[in-house]
Protein backbone atom coordinates (compact mmCIF):
# COMPACT_ATOMS: atom_id res chain seq x y z
CA UNK A 1 0.09 0.11 0.03
CA UNK A 2 1.21 3.35 -0.86
CA UNK A 3 0.79 6.47 1.78
CA UNK A 4 -1.29 5.00 4.28
CA UNK A 5 -2.06 8.73 5.66
CA UNK A 6 -4.13 11.69 4.84
CA UNK A 7 -3.13 15.03 4.97
CA UNK A 8 -5.01 15.35 8.51
CA UNK A 9 -1.96 12.62 9.22
CA UNK A 10 -4.56 10.23 9.62
CA UNK A 11 -4.59 6.51 9.01
CA UNK A 12 -6.25 5.46 5.84
CA UNK A 13 -5.48 1.49 6.20
CA UNK A 14 -8.26 0.78 8.71
CA UNK A 15 -11.59 2.86 6.93
CA UNK A 16 -9.89 1.30 3.37
CA UNK A 17 -9.72 -2.43 4.81
CA UNK A 18 -13.43 -2.03 5.83
CA UNK A 19 -14.53 -0.57 2.57
CA UNK A 20 -12.90 -3.12 0.99
CA UNK A 21 -14.25 -6.24 3.56
CA UNK A 22 -17.69 -5.15 3.08
CA UNK A 23 -17.75 -5.40 -0.64
CA UNK A 24 -16.13 -7.85 -0.89
CA UNK A 25 -18.47 -9.77 0.63
CA UNK A 26 -21.36 -7.85 -0.69
CA UNK A 27 -20.02 -9.23 -3.97
CA UNK A 28 -20.09 -12.75 -3.12
CA UNK A 29 -23.34 -12.28 -1.67
CA UNK A 30 -25.29 -10.86 -5.13
CA UNK A 31 -22.91 -13.91 -6.86
CA UNK A 32 -24.42 -16.15 -5.13
CA UNK A 33 -28.22 -15.04 -5.22
CA UNK A 34 -27.91 -15.08 -8.83
CA UNK A 35 -25.74 -18.97 -9.23
CA UNK A 36 -28.72 -20.25 -7.05
CA UNK A 37 -31.39 -19.02 -9.66
CA UNK A 38 -29.06 -20.32 -12.99
CA UNK A 39 -28.64 -23.37 -10.87
CA UNK A 40 -32.41 -24.27 -9.75
CA UNK A 41 -34.34 -22.01 -11.07
CA UNK A 42 -32.88 -22.09 -15.15
CA UNK A 43 -31.08 -25.23 -14.97
CA UNK A 44 -28.51 -23.55 -16.45
CA UNK A 45 -25.03 -25.48 -15.54
CA UNK A 46 -22.83 -23.27 -17.43
CA UNK A 47 -23.87 -20.03 -15.90
CA UNK A 48 -23.83 -21.51 -12.51
CA UNK A 49 -20.58 -22.58 -12.79
CA UNK A 50 -19.21 -18.85 -13.98
CA UNK A 51 -20.78 -17.50 -11.23
CA UNK A 52 -19.08 -20.17 -9.19
CA UNK A 53 -15.76 -19.60 -10.64
CA UNK A 54 -16.23 -15.49 -10.01
CA UNK A 55 -17.51 -15.91 -6.65
CA UNK A 56 -13.52 -17.96 -5.84
CA UNK A 57 -12.08 -15.69 -7.61
CA UNK A 58 -13.56 -12.43 -5.76
CA UNK A 59 -12.79 -14.68 -2.32
CA UNK A 60 -9.23 -15.40 -2.99
CA UNK A 61 -8.69 -11.61 -2.38
CA UNK A 62 -10.31 -11.64 1.17
CA UNK A 63 -7.75 -12.57 3.21
CA UNK A 64 -7.08 -12.38 7.06
CA UNK A 65 -5.83 -8.60 7.36
CA UNK A 66 -9.41 -7.38 5.40
CA UNK A 67 -11.12 -9.76 7.63
CA UNK A 68 -9.65 -8.67 11.05
CA UNK A 69 -10.46 -5.11 10.18
CA UNK A 70 -14.42 -5.80 10.16
CA UNK A 71 -16.24 -4.22 13.23
CA UNK A 72 -20.11 -4.47 13.07
CA UNK A 73 -20.88 -3.18 16.18
CA UNK A 74 -19.79 0.17 15.27
CA UNK A 75 -20.96 0.00 11.75
CA UNK A 76 -23.66 2.91 11.00
CA UNK A 77 -24.52 1.19 7.75
CA UNK A 78 -26.00 -1.84 9.88
CA UNK A 79 -28.96 0.03 10.56
CA UNK A 80 -29.42 1.98 6.99
CA UNK A 81 -32.61 0.33 4.95
CA UNK A 82 -35.48 1.39 2.23
CA UNK A 83 -38.84 0.30 1.58
CA UNK A 84 -38.29 -1.02 -1.18
CA UNK A 85 -35.30 -3.35 -0.24
CA UNK A 86 -38.29 -5.06 1.84
CA UNK A 87 -40.06 -6.58 -1.17
CA UNK A 88 -39.45 -8.22 -4.61
CA UNK A 89 -41.88 -8.71 -6.96
CA UNK A 90 -40.75 -10.98 -9.21
CA UNK A 91 -37.48 -13.15 -9.84
CA UNK A 92 -36.57 -10.88 -12.99
CA UNK A 93 -36.34 -7.52 -9.85
CA UNK A 94 -34.25 -9.76 -7.58
CA UNK A 95 -31.76 -10.60 -10.29
CA UNK A 96 -31.96 -7.10 -11.28
CA UNK A 97 -31.47 -5.64 -7.93
CA UNK A 98 -28.27 -8.39 -7.15
CA UNK A 99 -26.65 -7.29 -10.33
CA UNK A 100 -26.56 -3.97 -9.58
CA UNK A 101 -25.21 -4.53 -5.88
CA UNK A 102 -22.80 -6.77 -7.21
CA UNK A 103 -21.40 -4.29 -9.78
CA UNK A 104 -21.36 -1.57 -7.44
CA UNK A 105 -19.52 -3.78 -5.46
CA UNK A 106 -17.12 -4.63 -7.84
CA UNK A 107 -16.79 -0.43 -8.91
CA UNK A 108 -16.00 0.24 -5.12
CA UNK A 109 -13.25 -2.56 -4.77
CA UNK A 110 -11.51 -1.90 -7.86
CA UNK A 111 -11.00 2.11 -6.53
CA UNK A 112 -10.46 1.34 -3.03
CA UNK A 113 -8.19 -1.48 -4.30
CA UNK A 114 -5.92 0.78 -5.92
CA UNK A 115 -4.83 2.06 -2.54
CA UNK A 116 -4.63 -0.87 -1.19
CA UNK A 117 -3.63 -3.53 -3.96
CA UNK A 118 -3.20 -2.82 -7.62
CA UNK A 119 -3.59 -6.32 -8.72
CA UNK A 120 -6.99 -6.77 -6.69
CA UNK A 121 -8.14 -3.91 -8.24
CA UNK A 122 -7.54 -4.59 -11.75
CA UNK A 123 -8.64 -8.20 -11.01
CA UNK A 124 -12.06 -6.94 -9.98
CA UNK A 125 -12.24 -4.37 -12.79
CA UNK A 126 -12.03 -7.91 -15.26
CA UNK A 127 -14.77 -9.18 -13.13
CA UNK A 128 -16.99 -6.71 -13.51
CA UNK A 129 -16.81 -6.66 -17.08
CA UNK A 130 -17.29 -10.38 -17.23
CA UNK A 131 -20.30 -9.86 -15.07
CA UNK A 132 -22.07 -7.67 -17.33
CA UNK A 133 -21.50 -10.19 -19.94
CA UNK A 134 -23.41 -12.55 -17.80
CA UNK A 135 -26.20 -10.15 -17.03
CA UNK A 136 -27.05 -9.52 -20.87
CA UNK A 137 -26.82 -13.31 -21.53
CA UNK A 138 -28.76 -14.00 -18.75
CA UNK A 139 -31.56 -11.29 -19.42
CA UNK A 140 -31.53 -12.46 -22.92
CA UNK A 141 -32.18 -16.26 -21.99
CA UNK A 142 -34.82 -15.33 -19.88
CA UNK A 143 -36.43 -13.02 -22.81
CA UNK A 144 -35.87 -16.05 -25.26
CA UNK A 145 -37.46 -18.86 -23.12
CA UNK A 146 -40.68 -16.62 -22.43
CA UNK A 147 -40.78 -15.90 -26.42
CA UNK A 148 -40.63 -19.65 -26.86
CA UNK A 149 -43.50 -20.62 -24.08
CA UNK A 150 -45.82 -17.41 -25.23
CA UNK A 151 -48.31 -19.26 -27.91
CA UNK A 152 -50.56 -16.44 -27.49
CA UNK A 153 -49.60 -13.23 -28.39
CA UNK A 154 -52.28 -9.87 -27.94
CA UNK A 155 -51.36 -6.74 -30.01
CA UNK A 156 -53.26 -4.01 -29.06
CA UNK A 157 -55.58 -0.88 -30.66
CA UNK A 158 -56.76 2.21 -29.48
CA UNK A 159 -59.20 1.72 -26.75
CA UNK A 160 -60.71 4.41 -23.81
CA UNK A 161 -59.98 1.10 -21.45
CA UNK A 162 -56.36 0.05 -22.95
CA UNK A 163 -54.99 -1.02 -19.66
CA UNK A 164 -58.18 -2.70 -18.22
CA UNK A 165 -58.57 -4.86 -20.99
CA UNK A 166 -54.69 -6.11 -21.19
CA UNK A 167 -54.41 -6.49 -17.34
CA UNK A 168 -57.58 -8.65 -17.90
CA UNK A 169 -55.91 -10.45 -20.56
CA UNK A 170 -53.05 -10.90 -18.16
CA UNK A 171 -55.35 -12.65 -15.62
CA UNK A 172 -56.45 -14.97 -18.12
CA UNK A 173 -53.13 -16.01 -18.43
CA UNK A 174 -51.88 -14.33 -21.50
CA UNK A 175 -47.83 -13.44 -21.37
CA UNK A 176 -46.99 -11.48 -24.49
CA UNK A 177 -48.44 -7.99 -25.24
CA UNK A 178 -47.57 -5.81 -28.34
CA UNK A 179 -48.49 -2.13 -27.59
CA UNK A 180 -49.43 -0.56 -31.56
CA UNK A 181 -51.36 2.66 -31.94
CA UNK A 182 -50.37 3.91 -35.40
CA UNK A 183 -52.74 7.38 -34.74
CA UNK A 184 -51.73 8.86 -31.31
CA UNK A 185 -49.35 11.47 -30.68
CA UNK A 186 -46.26 10.88 -29.12
CA UNK A 187 -46.78 12.05 -25.80
CA UNK A 188 -50.04 9.53 -25.44
CA UNK A 189 -47.96 6.86 -26.70
CA UNK A 190 -45.23 7.14 -24.28
CA UNK A 191 -47.48 7.63 -21.61
CA UNK A 192 -50.04 4.29 -22.78
CA UNK A 193 -46.24 2.27 -23.24
CA UNK A 194 -45.18 3.15 -19.75
CA UNK A 195 -48.17 2.09 -17.74
CA UNK A 196 -48.90 -1.16 -20.14
CA UNK A 197 -44.98 -2.12 -19.37
CA UNK A 198 -45.50 -1.55 -15.78
CA UNK A 199 -48.91 -3.67 -15.82
CA UNK A 200 -47.03 -6.67 -18.24
CA UNK A 201 -44.21 -6.64 -16.02
CA UNK A 202 -46.40 -6.97 -12.67
CA UNK A 203 -47.96 -10.28 -14.11
CA UNK A 204 -44.16 -11.56 -15.37
CA UNK A 205 -45.49 -11.31 -18.94
CA UNK A 206 -43.37 -9.96 -21.76
CA UNK A 207 -44.01 -6.12 -23.50
CA UNK A 208 -43.47 -4.93 -26.81
CA UNK A 209 -43.57 -1.90 -28.94
CA UNK A 210 -44.65 -1.44 -32.05
CA UNK A 211 -42.55 0.60 -34.30
CA UNK A 212 -40.90 2.88 -31.95
CA UNK A 213 -37.75 1.66 -30.49
CA UNK A 214 -36.77 5.19 -28.93
CA UNK A 215 -40.34 4.31 -26.99
CA UNK A 216 -38.83 0.91 -26.12
CA UNK A 217 -35.86 1.86 -24.81
CA UNK A 218 -37.76 4.70 -22.55
CA UNK A 219 -40.57 2.64 -21.38
CA UNK A 220 -38.02 -0.45 -20.50
CA UNK A 221 -39.78 -2.58 -22.93
CA UNK A 222 -38.40 -6.08 -23.46
CA UNK A 223 -38.45 -5.35 -27.27
CA UNK A 224 -40.04 -4.21 -30.33
CA UNK A 225 -41.94 -5.24 -33.71
CA UNK A 226 -40.81 -4.11 -36.63
CA UNK A 227 -42.89 -3.75 -39.89
CA UNK A 228 -41.64 -3.93 -43.68
CA UNK A 229 -41.19 -0.16 -43.80
CA UNK A 230 -39.62 0.26 -40.22
CA UNK A 231 -35.82 0.70 -39.58
CA UNK A 232 -33.72 -2.43 -40.25
CA UNK A 233 -33.54 -5.27 -37.54
CA UNK A 234 -29.68 -4.60 -37.61
CA UNK A 235 -30.09 -0.60 -36.66
CA UNK A 236 -32.43 -1.57 -33.96
CA UNK A 237 -30.09 -4.26 -32.50
CA UNK A 238 -27.68 -1.08 -32.50
CA UNK A 239 -29.88 0.88 -30.40
CA UNK A 240 -31.78 -1.72 -28.08
CA UNK A 241 -28.55 -3.84 -27.24
CA UNK A 242 -28.41 -7.94 -27.47
CA UNK A 243 -30.90 -8.56 -24.59
CA UNK A 244 -34.01 -7.17 -25.94
CA UNK A 245 -36.23 -8.50 -28.39
CA UNK A 246 -37.07 -7.95 -32.28
CA UNK A 247 -39.70 -8.92 -34.11
CA UNK A 248 -40.63 -8.42 -38.11
CA UNK A 249 -43.98 -8.53 -39.83
CA UNK A 250 -43.82 -10.84 -42.91
CA UNK A 251 -46.04 -11.86 -45.37
CA UNK A 252 -44.47 -14.04 -48.08
CA UNK A 253 -41.29 -16.58 -48.18
CA UNK A 254 -38.68 -13.62 -49.30
CA UNK A 255 -39.46 -11.57 -46.07
CA UNK A 256 -39.40 -14.09 -43.86
CA UNK A 257 -35.98 -15.56 -45.15
CA UNK A 258 -34.81 -11.67 -45.33
CA UNK A 259 -35.85 -11.45 -41.40
CA UNK A 260 -34.23 -14.20 -40.25
CA UNK A 261 -30.95 -13.73 -41.95
CA UNK A 262 -31.31 -10.17 -40.13
CA UNK A 263 -31.16 -12.05 -36.71
CA UNK A 264 -35.16 -11.39 -36.08
CA UNK A 265 -36.01 -13.33 -32.99
CA UNK A 266 -39.43 -14.02 -34.00
CA UNK A 267 -41.66 -13.21 -36.88
CA UNK A 268 -45.09 -12.64 -37.85
CA UNK A 269 -47.05 -14.59 -40.58
CA UNK A 270 -50.17 -13.24 -42.32
CA UNK A 271 -52.46 -11.60 -42.75
CA UNK A 272 -54.22 -14.93 -42.99
CA UNK A 273 -57.45 -13.46 -43.49
CA UNK A 274 -58.47 -10.30 -44.07
CA UNK A 275 -58.26 -7.06 -40.89
CA UNK A 276 -59.17 -3.40 -41.09
CA UNK A 277 -55.48 -3.62 -39.09
CA UNK A 278 -53.51 -4.30 -42.60
CA UNK A 279 -56.14 -3.08 -44.72
CA UNK A 280 -53.53 -2.75 -47.34
CA UNK A 281 -52.45 -5.73 -47.34
CA UNK A 282 -53.92 -8.74 -49.36
CA UNK A 283 -54.64 -11.82 -47.06
CA UNK A 284 -52.02 -14.81 -47.79
CA UNK A 285 -53.88 -17.52 -46.67
CA UNK A 286 -53.21 -21.03 -45.04
CA UNK A 287 -50.44 -21.37 -47.72
CA UNK A 288 -48.15 -19.47 -45.72
CA UNK A 289 -48.70 -21.12 -42.36
CA UNK A 290 -47.84 -24.39 -44.41
CA UNK A 291 -44.55 -22.81 -45.66
CA UNK A 292 -43.62 -21.45 -42.36
CA UNK A 293 -44.54 -25.12 -40.53
CA UNK A 294 -41.86 -26.73 -42.87
CA UNK A 295 -39.34 -23.31 -43.28
CA UNK A 296 -38.99 -21.26 -40.29
CA UNK A 297 -36.37 -22.05 -37.60
CA UNK A 298 -37.37 -19.44 -35.13
CA UNK A 299 -41.05 -18.85 -33.76
CA UNK A 300 -43.21 -17.06 -35.56
CA UNK A 301 -47.27 -16.35 -34.70
CA UNK A 302 -50.37 -16.64 -37.37
CA UNK A 303 -51.82 -13.05 -37.45
CA UNK A 304 -54.62 -11.41 -39.45
CA UNK A 305 -58.24 -11.68 -39.01
CA UNK A 306 -57.69 -14.52 -36.23
CA UNK A 307 -60.62 -15.10 -33.81
CA UNK A 308 -62.26 -17.77 -32.19
CA UNK A 309 -64.63 -18.91 -34.86
CA UNK A 310 -61.58 -19.56 -37.55
CA UNK A 311 -58.62 -20.35 -34.82
CA UNK A 312 -59.37 -24.23 -35.40
CA UNK A 313 -58.80 -24.24 -39.21
CA UNK A 314 -55.76 -21.86 -38.31
CA UNK A 315 -53.90 -24.68 -35.67
CA UNK A 316 -55.20 -27.62 -37.71
CA UNK A 317 -52.74 -25.86 -40.43
CA UNK A 318 -49.71 -26.14 -38.28
CA UNK A 319 -49.70 -23.00 -36.61
CA UNK A 320 -48.39 -23.44 -32.90
CA UNK A 321 -48.59 -19.95 -31.91
CA UNK A 322 -51.31 -16.97 -32.65
CA UNK A 323 -51.36 -13.37 -32.56
CA UNK A 324 -55.07 -11.26 -32.04
CA UNK A 325 -56.24 -7.92 -31.90
CA UNK A 326 -59.96 -7.36 -32.16
CA UNK A 327 -60.80 -10.84 -30.79
CA UNK A 328 -59.57 -9.62 -27.25
CA UNK A 329 -59.27 -6.06 -27.39
CA UNK A 330 -62.89 -5.68 -28.62
CA UNK A 331 -64.38 -8.80 -26.62
CA UNK A 332 -66.88 -8.05 -23.42
CA UNK A 333 -64.77 -10.60 -21.35
CA UNK A 334 -61.23 -10.37 -22.31
CA UNK A 335 -60.18 -12.85 -19.35
CA UNK A 336 -62.72 -15.41 -20.64
CA UNK A 337 -61.52 -15.07 -24.74
CA UNK A 338 -57.90 -15.22 -23.30
CA UNK A 339 -58.33 -18.35 -21.32
CA UNK A 340 -60.49 -19.67 -24.43
CA UNK A 341 -57.91 -19.15 -26.89
CA UNK A 342 -55.17 -20.69 -24.67
CA UNK A 343 -57.00 -23.85 -23.79
CA UNK A 344 -57.20 -24.33 -27.75
CA UNK A 345 -53.51 -23.85 -28.50
CA UNK A 346 -52.65 -26.20 -25.30
CA UNK A 347 -55.16 -28.66 -26.54
CA UNK A 348 -53.34 -28.47 -30.15
CA UNK A 349 -50.09 -28.86 -28.27
CA UNK A 350 -51.15 -31.88 -26.65
CA UNK A 351 -52.89 -33.50 -29.38
CA UNK A 352 -49.10 -32.79 -31.46
CA UNK A 353 -47.66 -34.13 -29.34
CA UNK A 354 -49.36 -37.69 -29.26
CA UNK A 355 -49.59 -37.17 -33.05
CA UNK A 356 -53.02 -37.12 -33.51
CA UNK A 357 -53.65 -33.79 -34.82
CA UNK A 358 -57.29 -33.74 -36.36
CA UNK A 359 -57.19 -33.43 -40.02
CA UNK A 360 -56.52 -30.16 -41.64
CA UNK A 361 -59.39 -28.03 -42.68
């Protein structure tokens, strides 16, 4: 260690050692919480092992001198707390809080470590960068897993009861929502998107914004859905980062191939039937579903005019995921309609797993 005394002649070593001791503990505790979810919640052995290795690396710097500096009875920080620390709404929030805690602790170790052991400071700097990579990968993995498990996709339309309808659908089991409004001004879009994002995350659902990458970023959405006339997938990825989802609307095999090659996480396949939502688009019919079944390696959602009357026809053609607008947004009982769609989707999944799908219509 360099000069142990400040300009007032006070010995800095005890205080620095206590800071390093506290943050070494804090970093290892945060990592352990993340590691447990990777191990037991996600069954991701490689992520759990990475966390374990980082814990051991951090622990190797926790020497006897630092441990002996601990003075818990006289530490005023033990009494500090905040109401937000007393509750975690879901696993995602728990992980985010502990990643922040871990990264902050590593930054403290890096800075104060420069006064104690430059090698430790350098090691903590590189560990912090590795943690950033784990965080991005874990968030991306969780979103992709939830996308894989999503078979019903609600795309909203303007409605005075927008938030109530979406929440009712979430109560019915929906876990994927897209906010879409082509006519509202930006202030209204931002306000509504913020409200819906909060509602969706409260229910553990994914929230996607149609077209507007800027609004998706502003409200903390899980991703964006792009039309053929919107910005490129590559540019959206640069703006959103690797952990967010990007969907693309497609109407033919050429657009599907382009979206897949560009790195879309999922695509829309349609419009299957004529729909006022896509009044300028000619319905592609069930043939495009047949093509997607054989040629699309990423999640895809049949979309366009799908309702309770024609859902069986779409599913019997091979679709495993459907996207709806009016069928839920204009329903008198959105919760029940959502449950109906989900039950139909689950029924076809069960039939498919037993190779006893009904004959195609």
